[in-house]
C-alpha atoms as a PDB file:
ATOM      1  CA  MET A   1     -30.559  -3.794  12.535  1.00  0.00           C
ATOM      2  CA  LYS A   2     -30.511  -1.323  15.389  1.00  0.00           C
ATOM      3  CA  SER A   3     -27.890  -3.281  17.333  1.00  0.00           C
ATOM      4  CA  ASP A   4     -25.765  -3.594  14.191  1.00  0.00           C
ATOM      5  CA  ASP A   5     -26.044   0.141  13.565  1.00  0.00           C
ATOM      6  CA  LYS A   6     -24.949   0.960  17.108  1.00  0.00           C
ATOM      7  CA  ARG A   7     -22.000  -1.407  16.834  1.00  0.00           C
ATOM      8  CA  VAL A   8     -20.892   0.300  13.630  1.00  0.00           C
ATOM      9  CA  ILE A   9     -21.023   3.638  15.434  1.00  0.00           C
ATOM     10  CA  TRP A  10     -18.706   2.397  18.195  1.00  0.00           C
ATOM     11  CA  LYS A  11     -16.346   0.786  15.685  1.00  0.00           C
ATOM     12  CA  LYS A  12     -15.869   4.151  14.007  1.00  0.00           C
ATOM     13  CA  LYS A  13     -14.722   5.727  17.270  1.00  0.00           C
ATOM     14  CA  SER A  14     -11.020   5.828  18.147  1.00  0.00           C
ATOM     15  CA  ASP A  15      -9.816   4.224  21.391  1.00  0.00           C
ATOM     16  CA  LEU A  16      -9.386   7.670  22.926  1.00  0.00           C
ATOM     17  CA  GLN A  17     -12.933   8.727  22.006  1.00  0.00           C
ATOM     18  CA  LEU A  18     -14.374   5.475  23.356  1.00  0.00           C
ATOM     19  CA  MET A  19     -12.468   5.765  26.627  1.00  0.00           C
ATOM     20  CA  GLN A  20     -13.714   9.305  27.127  1.00  0.00           C
ATOM     21  CA  ILE A  21     -17.339   8.256  26.484  1.00  0.00           C
ATOM     22  CA  ILE A  22     -17.082   5.279  28.834  1.00  0.00           C
ATOM     23  CA  LEU A  23     -15.306   7.314  31.517  1.00  0.00           C
ATOM     24  CA  GLU A  24     -18.019   9.991  31.480  1.00  0.00           C
ATOM     25  CA  PHE A  25     -20.677   7.276  31.724  1.00  0.00           C
ATOM     26  CA  ILE A  26     -18.881   5.586  34.665  1.00  0.00           C
ATOM     27  CA  GLU A  27     -18.503   8.838  36.586  1.00  0.00           C
ATOM     28  CA  LYS A  28     -22.004  10.070  35.743  1.00  0.00           C
ATOM     29  CA  HIS A  29     -23.689   6.886  37.016  1.00  0.00           C
ATOM     30  CA  GLN A  30     -21.113   6.097  39.740  1.00  0.00           C
ATOM     31  CA  VAL A  31     -20.299   2.694  38.262  1.00  0.00           C
ATOM     32  CA  HIS A  32     -17.941   0.634  40.454  1.00  0.00           C
ATOM     33  CA  SER A  33     -17.993  -2.761  38.745  1.00  0.00           C
ATOM     34  CA  VAL A  34     -18.625  -4.478  35.424  1.00  0.00           C
ATOM     35  CA  ARG A  35     -21.949  -5.732  36.781  1.00  0.00           C
ATOM     36  CA  GLU A  36     -23.102  -2.179  37.599  1.00  0.00           C
ATOM     37  CA  TYR A  37     -21.981  -1.102  34.120  1.00  0.00           C
ATOM     38  CA  GLN A  38     -24.158  -3.799  32.548  1.00  0.00           C
ATOM     39  CA  GLN A  39     -27.123  -2.826  34.699  1.00  0.00           C
ATOM     40  CA  LYS A  40     -26.815   0.855  33.760  1.00  0.00           C
ATOM     41  CA  LEU A  41     -26.335  -0.100  30.125  1.00  0.00           C
ATOM     42  CA  LYS A  42     -29.804  -1.687  30.164  1.00  0.00           C
ATOM     43  CA  GLU A  43     -31.226   1.631  31.351  1.00  0.00           C
ATOM     44  CA  TYR A  44     -29.213   3.706  28.864  1.00  0.00           C
ATOM     45  CA  PRO A  45     -28.467   1.349  25.922  1.00  0.00           C
ATOM     46  CA  LYS A  46     -27.424   4.083  23.497  1.00  0.00           C
ATOM     47  CA  GLU A  47     -24.925   5.922  25.704  1.00  0.00           C
ATOM     48  CA  VAL A  48     -22.027   3.434  25.754  1.00  0.00           C
ATOM     49  CA  PRO A  49     -20.833   0.238  24.011  1.00  0.00           C
ATOM     50  CA  SER A  50     -21.537  -3.223  25.418  1.00  0.00           C
ATOM     51  CA  VAL A  51     -19.148  -5.172  27.640  1.00  0.00           C
ATOM     52  CA  TRP A  52     -18.721  -7.598  24.729  1.00  0.00           C
ATOM     53  CA  PHE A  53     -17.543  -4.735  22.493  1.00  0.00           C
ATOM     54  CA  ILE A  54     -15.211  -3.436  25.241  1.00  0.00           C
ATOM     55  CA  LYS A  55     -13.587  -6.874  25.543  1.00  0.00           C
ATOM     56  CA  GLU A  56     -13.210  -7.072  21.773  1.00  0.00           C
ATOM     57  CA  ARG A  57     -11.582  -3.629  21.548  1.00  0.00           C
ATOM     58  CA  PHE A  58      -9.541  -3.424  24.769  1.00  0.00           C
ATOM     59  CA  GLY A  59      -8.982  -7.072  25.700  1.00  0.00           C
ATOM     60  CA  SER A  60     -11.004  -7.045  28.922  1.00  0.00           C
ATOM     61  CA  TRP A  61     -12.914  -4.770  31.264  1.00  0.00           C
ATOM     62  CA  ASP A  62      -9.941  -4.616  33.639  1.00  0.00           C
ATOM     63  CA  LYS A  63      -7.516  -3.660  30.870  1.00  0.00           C
ATOM     64  CA  LEU A  64      -9.831  -0.822  29.890  1.00  0.00           C
ATOM     65  CA  LEU A  65      -9.921   0.457  33.473  1.00  0.00           C
ATOM     66  CA  ILE A  66      -6.135   0.379  33.675  1.00  0.00           C
ATOM     67  CA  GLN A  67      -5.951   2.576  30.566  1.00  0.00           C
ATOM     68  CA  LEU A  68      -8.552   4.934  32.003  1.00  0.00           C
ATOM     69  CA  GLY A  69      -6.471   5.407  35.136  1.00  0.00           C
ATOM     70  CA  GLU A  70      -7.001   2.949  37.964  1.00  0.00           C
ATOM     71  CA  THR A  71      -6.634   5.474  40.803  1.00  0.00           C
ATOM     72  CA  ARG A  72      -9.822   7.247  39.720  1.00  0.00           C
ATOM     73  CA  PHE A  73     -12.122   4.407  40.692  1.00  0.00           C
ATOM     74  CA  GLU A  74     -13.565   3.570  44.056  1.00  0.00           C
ATOM     75  CA  ARG A  75     -13.783  -0.047  42.891  1.00  0.00           C
ATOM     76  CA  TYR A  76     -10.227  -0.504  44.186  1.00  0.00           C
ATOM     77  CA  CYS A  77     -11.467   0.117  47.713  1.00  0.00           C
ATOM     78  CA  TRP A  78     -12.323  -3.562  48.054  1.00  0.00           C
ATOM     79  CA  SER A  79     -13.871  -3.084  51.468  1.00  0.00           C
ATOM     80  CA  LYS A  80     -16.715  -1.151  49.790  1.00  0.00           C
ATOM     81  CA  MET A  81     -17.537  -4.039  47.456  1.00  0.00           C
ATOM     82  CA  THR A  82     -19.757  -7.033  48.180  1.00  0.00           C
ATOM     83  CA  ASP A  83     -18.404 -10.581  48.191  1.00  0.00           C
ATOM     84  CA  GLU A  84     -20.084 -11.292  44.861  1.00  0.00           C
ATOM     85  CA  GLU A  85     -18.596  -8.189  43.221  1.00  0.00           C
ATOM     86  CA  ILE A  86     -15.069  -9.049  44.376  1.00  0.00           C
ATOM     87  CA  LYS A  87     -15.521 -12.648  43.278  1.00  0.00           C
ATOM     88  CA  LEU A  88     -16.704 -11.475  39.846  1.00  0.00           C
ATOM     89  CA  VAL A  89     -13.651  -9.241  39.354  1.00  0.00           C
ATOM     90  CA  ALA A  90     -11.245 -11.990  40.450  1.00  0.00           C
ATOM     91  CA  SER A  91     -12.996 -14.683  38.377  1.00  0.00           C
ATOM     92  CA  GLU A  92     -12.910 -12.587  35.216  1.00  0.00           C
ATOM     93  CA  PHE A  93      -9.198 -11.857  35.683  1.00  0.00           C
ATOM     94  CA  ILE A  94      -8.451 -15.552  36.330  1.00  0.00           C
ATOM     95  CA  LYS A  95     -10.348 -16.562  33.196  1.00  0.00           C
ATOM     96  CA  ASN A  96      -8.950 -13.854  30.900  1.00  0.00           C
ATOM     97  CA  GLU A  97      -5.365 -14.463  31.999  1.00  0.00           C
ATOM     98  CA  SER A  98      -5.703 -18.275  32.030  1.00  0.00           C
ATOM     99  CA  ILE A  99      -4.486 -18.496  35.628  1.00  0.00           C
ATOM    100  CA  LEU A 100      -4.342 -22.011  37.049  1.00  0.00           C
ATOM    101  CA  SER A 101      -3.380 -21.609  40.707  1.00  0.00           C
ATOM    102  CA  GLN A 102      -3.353 -19.295  43.714  1.00  0.00           C
ATOM    103  CA  ARG A 103       0.422 -19.016  43.480  1.00  0.00           C
ATOM    104  CA  GLU A 104       0.220 -17.870  39.861  1.00  0.00           C
ATOM    105  CA  TYR A 105      -2.583 -15.419  40.729  1.00  0.00           C
ATOM    106  CA  GLU A 106      -0.423 -13.908  43.460  1.00  0.00           C
ATOM    107  CA  LYS A 107       2.494 -13.392  41.059  1.00  0.00           C
ATOM    108  CA  ARG A 108       0.339 -11.921  38.294  1.00  0.00           C
ATOM    109  CA  THR A 109      -1.425  -9.428  40.560  1.00  0.00           C
ATOM    110  CA  VAL A 110       1.678  -7.860  42.120  1.00  0.00           C
ATOM    111  CA  GLY A 111       1.376  -4.108  41.500  1.00  0.00           C
ATOM    112  CA  ASN A 112      -1.956  -4.551  39.687  1.00  0.00           C
ATOM    113  CA  LYS A 113      -4.548  -2.538  41.570  1.00  0.00           C
ATOM    114  CA  SER A 114      -7.327  -3.369  39.141  1.00  0.00           C
ATOM    115  CA  VAL A 115      -7.874  -6.742  40.824  1.00  0.00           C
ATOM    116  CA  PRO A 116      -7.916  -7.789  44.493  1.00  0.00           C
ATOM    117  CA  SER A 117      -4.707  -9.304  45.831  1.00  0.00           C
ATOM    118  CA  LEU A 118      -4.552 -12.898  47.018  1.00  0.00           C
ATOM    119  CA  ASP A 119      -4.385 -11.622  50.608  1.00  0.00           C
ATOM    120  CA  THR A 120      -7.557  -9.607  50.060  1.00  0.00           C
ATOM    121  CA  LEU A 121      -9.339 -12.685  48.727  1.00  0.00           C
ATOM    122  CA  LYS A 122      -8.142 -14.817  51.648  1.00  0.00           C
ATOM    123  CA  LYS A 123      -9.410 -12.256  54.147  1.00  0.00           C
ATOM    124  CA  ARG A 124     -12.808 -12.153  52.481  1.00  0.00           C
ATOM    125  CA  PHE A 125     -13.328 -15.848  51.634  1.00  0.00           C
ATOM    126  CA  ASP A 126     -12.648 -18.960  53.698  1.00  0.00           C
ATOM    127  CA  ASP A 127     -12.088 -21.174  50.656  1.00  0.00           C
ATOM    128  CA  LEU A 128     -10.541 -19.968  47.392  1.00  0.00           C
ATOM    129  CA  LYS A 129     -10.509 -23.370  45.679  1.00  0.00           C
ATOM    130  CA  PRO A 130     -13.832 -22.770  43.844  1.00  0.00           C
ATOM    131  CA  LEU A 131     -12.222 -19.838  42.007  1.00  0.00           C
ATOM    132  CA  PHE A 132      -9.524 -22.073  40.548  1.00  0.00           C
ATOM    133  CA  LYS A 133     -10.988 -25.595  40.595  1.00  0.00           C
ATOM    134  CA  ASN A 134     -12.073 -25.700  36.947  1.00  0.00           C
ATOM    135  CA  ARG A 135      -9.172 -23.793  35.393  1.00  0.00           C
ATOM    136  CA  LYS A 136      -6.657 -26.652  35.129  1.00  0.00           C
ATOM    137  CA  GLU A 137      -9.228 -28.966  33.613  1.00  0.00           C
ATOM    138  CA  ASP A 138     -10.433 -26.350  31.114  1.00  0.00           C
ATOM    139  CA  THR A 139      -7.055 -25.193  29.798  1.00  0.00           C
ATOM    140  CA  ILE A 140      -4.946 -28.345  29.515  1.00  0.00           C
ATOM    141  CA  SER A 141      -5.332 -30.857  26.670  1.00  0.00           C
ATOM    142  CA  ASP A 142      -5.553 -34.625  27.234  1.00  0.00           C
ATOM    143  CA  PHE A 143      -2.037 -35.074  25.850  1.00  0.00           C
ATOM    144  CA  GLN A 144      -0.647 -32.377  28.158  1.00  0.00           C
ATOM    145  CA  LEU A 145      -2.548 -33.911  31.065  1.00  0.00           C
ATOM    146  CA  LEU A 146      -0.874 -37.302  30.594  1.00  0.00           C
ATOM    147  CA  PHE A 147       2.498 -35.704  29.888  1.00  0.00           C
ATOM    148  CA  GLU A 148       2.353 -33.665  33.098  1.00  0.00           C
ATOM    149  CA  LEU A 149       1.186 -36.703  35.081  1.00  0.00           C
ATOM    150  CA  ARG A 150       4.199 -38.730  33.976  1.00  0.00           C
ATOM    151  CA  LYS A 151       6.548 -35.809  34.608  1.00  0.00           C
ATOM    152  CA  GLU A 152       5.185 -35.364  38.135  1.00  0.00           C
ATOM    153  CA  ILE A 153       5.591 -39.071  38.932  1.00  0.00           C
ATOM    154  CA  VAL A 154       9.218 -38.930  37.778  1.00  0.00           C
ATOM    155  CA  ARG A 155       9.831 -35.739  39.764  1.00  0.00           C
ATOM    156  CA  LEU A 156       8.486 -37.418  42.896  1.00  0.00           C
ATOM    157  CA  GLU A 157      10.658 -40.491  42.166  1.00  0.00           C
ATOM    158  CA  MET A 158       7.615 -42.756  42.320  1.00  0.00           C
ATOM    159  CA  GLU A 159       8.380 -44.896  39.257  1.00  0.00           C
ATOM    160  CA  THR A 160       8.935 -47.988  41.409  1.00  0.00           C
ATOM    161  CA  SER A 161       5.807 -47.622  43.535  1.00  0.00           C
ATOM    162  CA  LEU A 162       3.184 -45.837  41.395  1.00  0.00           C
ATOM    163  CA  SER A 163       0.974 -45.612  44.475  1.00  0.00           C
ATOM    164  CA  MET A 164      -2.123 -43.489  43.883  1.00  0.00           C
ATOM    165  CA  THR A 165      -2.436 -42.782  47.630  1.00  0.00           C
ATOM    166  CA  GLU A 166       1.179 -41.656  47.825  1.00  0.00           C
ATOM    167  CA  PHE A 167       0.771 -39.523  44.706  1.00  0.00           C
ATOM    168  CA  ARG A 168      -2.259 -37.769  46.211  1.00  0.00           C
ATOM    169  CA  LYS A 169      -0.225 -36.834  49.296  1.00  0.00           C
ATOM    170  CA  LYS A 170       2.973 -35.731  47.550  1.00  0.00           C
ATOM    171  CA  SER A 171       1.871 -34.076  44.323  1.00  0.00           C
ATOM    172  CA  ASN A 172       1.753 -30.269  44.312  1.00  0.00           C
ATOM    173  CA  SER A 173       1.911 -29.612  40.572  1.00  0.00           C
ATOM    174  CA  GLU A 174       0.272 -26.353  39.487  1.00  0.00           C
ATOM    175  CA  LYS A 175      -0.460 -27.842  36.063  1.00  0.00           C
ATOM    176  CA  LEU A 176      -2.383 -30.905  37.215  1.00  0.00           C
ATOM    177  CA  PRO A 177      -5.936 -31.147  38.573  1.00  0.00           C
ATOM    178  CA  SER A 178      -6.738 -33.735  41.233  1.00  0.00           C
ATOM    179  CA  VAL A 179      -6.357 -37.484  40.606  1.00  0.00           C
ATOM    180  CA  ASP A 180     -10.143 -37.886  40.657  1.00  0.00           C
ATOM    181  CA  THR A 181     -10.523 -35.163  38.017  1.00  0.00           C
ATOM    182  CA  ILE A 182      -7.888 -36.809  35.789  1.00  0.00           C
ATOM    183  CA  MET A 183      -9.626 -40.195  36.017  1.00  0.00           C
ATOM    184  CA  ARG A 184     -13.072 -38.672  35.447  1.00  0.00           C
ATOM    185  CA  ARG A 185     -11.937 -36.687  32.436  1.00  0.00           C
ATOM    186  CA  THR A 186     -10.010 -39.523  30.755  1.00  0.00           C
ATOM    187  CA  GLY A 187     -12.454 -42.255  31.774  1.00  0.00           C
ATOM    188  CA  LYS A 188      -9.513 -44.399  32.914  1.00  0.00           C
ATOM    189  CA  SER A 189      -8.626 -46.059  36.201  1.00  0.00           C
ATOM    190  CA  TRP A 190      -5.312 -45.261  37.924  1.00  0.00           C
ATOM    191  CA  GLU A 191      -3.914 -48.576  36.640  1.00  0.00           C
ATOM    192  CA  ASP A 192      -4.971 -47.738  33.086  1.00  0.00           C
ATOM    193  CA  LEU A 193      -3.405 -44.281  33.352  1.00  0.00           C
ATOM    194  CA  MET A 194      -0.092 -45.740  34.477  1.00  0.00           C
ATOM    195  CA  GLU A 195      -0.093 -48.137  31.519  1.00  0.00           C
ATOM    196  CA  GLU A 196      -1.047 -45.258  29.214  1.00  0.00           C
ATOM    197  CA  ILE A 197       1.952 -43.141  30.225  1.00  0.00           C
ATOM    198  CA  GLY A 198       4.427 -45.979  29.874  1.00  0.00           C
ATOM    199  CA  PHE A 199       4.746 -47.614  33.289  1.00  0.00           C
ATOM    200  CA  ASP A 200       4.465 -51.379  33.886  1.00  0.00           C
ATOM    201  CA  TYR A 201       1.969 -50.974  36.709  1.00  0.00           C
ATOM    202  CA  ARG A 202       0.855 -54.620  36.821  1.00  0.00           C
ATOM    203  CA  THR A 203       4.378 -55.966  37.239  1.00  0.00           C
ATOM    204  CA  ILE A 204       5.008 -53.527  40.095  1.00  0.00           C
ATOM    205  CA  LYS A 205       1.668 -54.449  41.682  1.00  0.00           C
ATOM    206  CA  VAL A 206       2.425 -58.189  41.498  1.00  0.00           C
ATOM    207  CA  LYS A 207       5.872 -57.609  42.987  1.00  0.00           C
ATOM    208  CA  LYS A 208       4.322 -55.711  45.923  1.00  0.00           C
ATOM    209  CA  LEU A 209       1.825 -58.496  46.547  1.00  0.00           C
ATOM    210  CA  THR A 210       4.579 -61.109  46.442  1.00  0.00           C
ATOM    211  CA  ILE A 211       6.656 -59.208  48.981  1.00  0.00           C
ATOM    212  CA  ASN A 212       3.644 -58.808  51.293  1.00  0.00           C
ATOM    213  CA  LEU A 213       2.969 -62.559  51.193  1.00  0.00           C
ATOM    214  CA  MET A 214       6.521 -63.522  52.089  1.00  0.00           C
END
């Protein structure tokens, strides 16, 4: 009941009142990240609403900070943050905004000081793939996956070869995960996938073998 009561209290507050309460808490305890906010919240559970409530009311932690005034926070001095803190901020933004690739991240963060730029991430981390590797698989349906696969094959003009090796080398679609991920998720072989999306893979394969034997 206590948690419900507290939630009712925060729900009765206007956005302006909530922002003022949270801002005073952030400045009082020198909070620089969402993780530090959560840690301080455990020490002072009645002073501010939970991160869950903040996301429900303002959309995300980052959107709240933007409304509070991004220039007031040292958290934008990325050099003062640990690798894990920067990774947490970037990961949350990627998840909340459904970003699928580094290119899309770069476009979406132009002029947004509430998240580290792609250049900042590249300077700090050798490999950025782990930040994005699961996003394509999580956000695209099976139908979209097959539709995008066919579209990419047509774009690459590979209808007459359907070579998996060639596709691996040429494909740079932002909407498709790797070939291995597609096969693992669908439970189909490359040959089965080609048949599924409307290509006569077996005929093409037989024709290649015939040519090689001549």
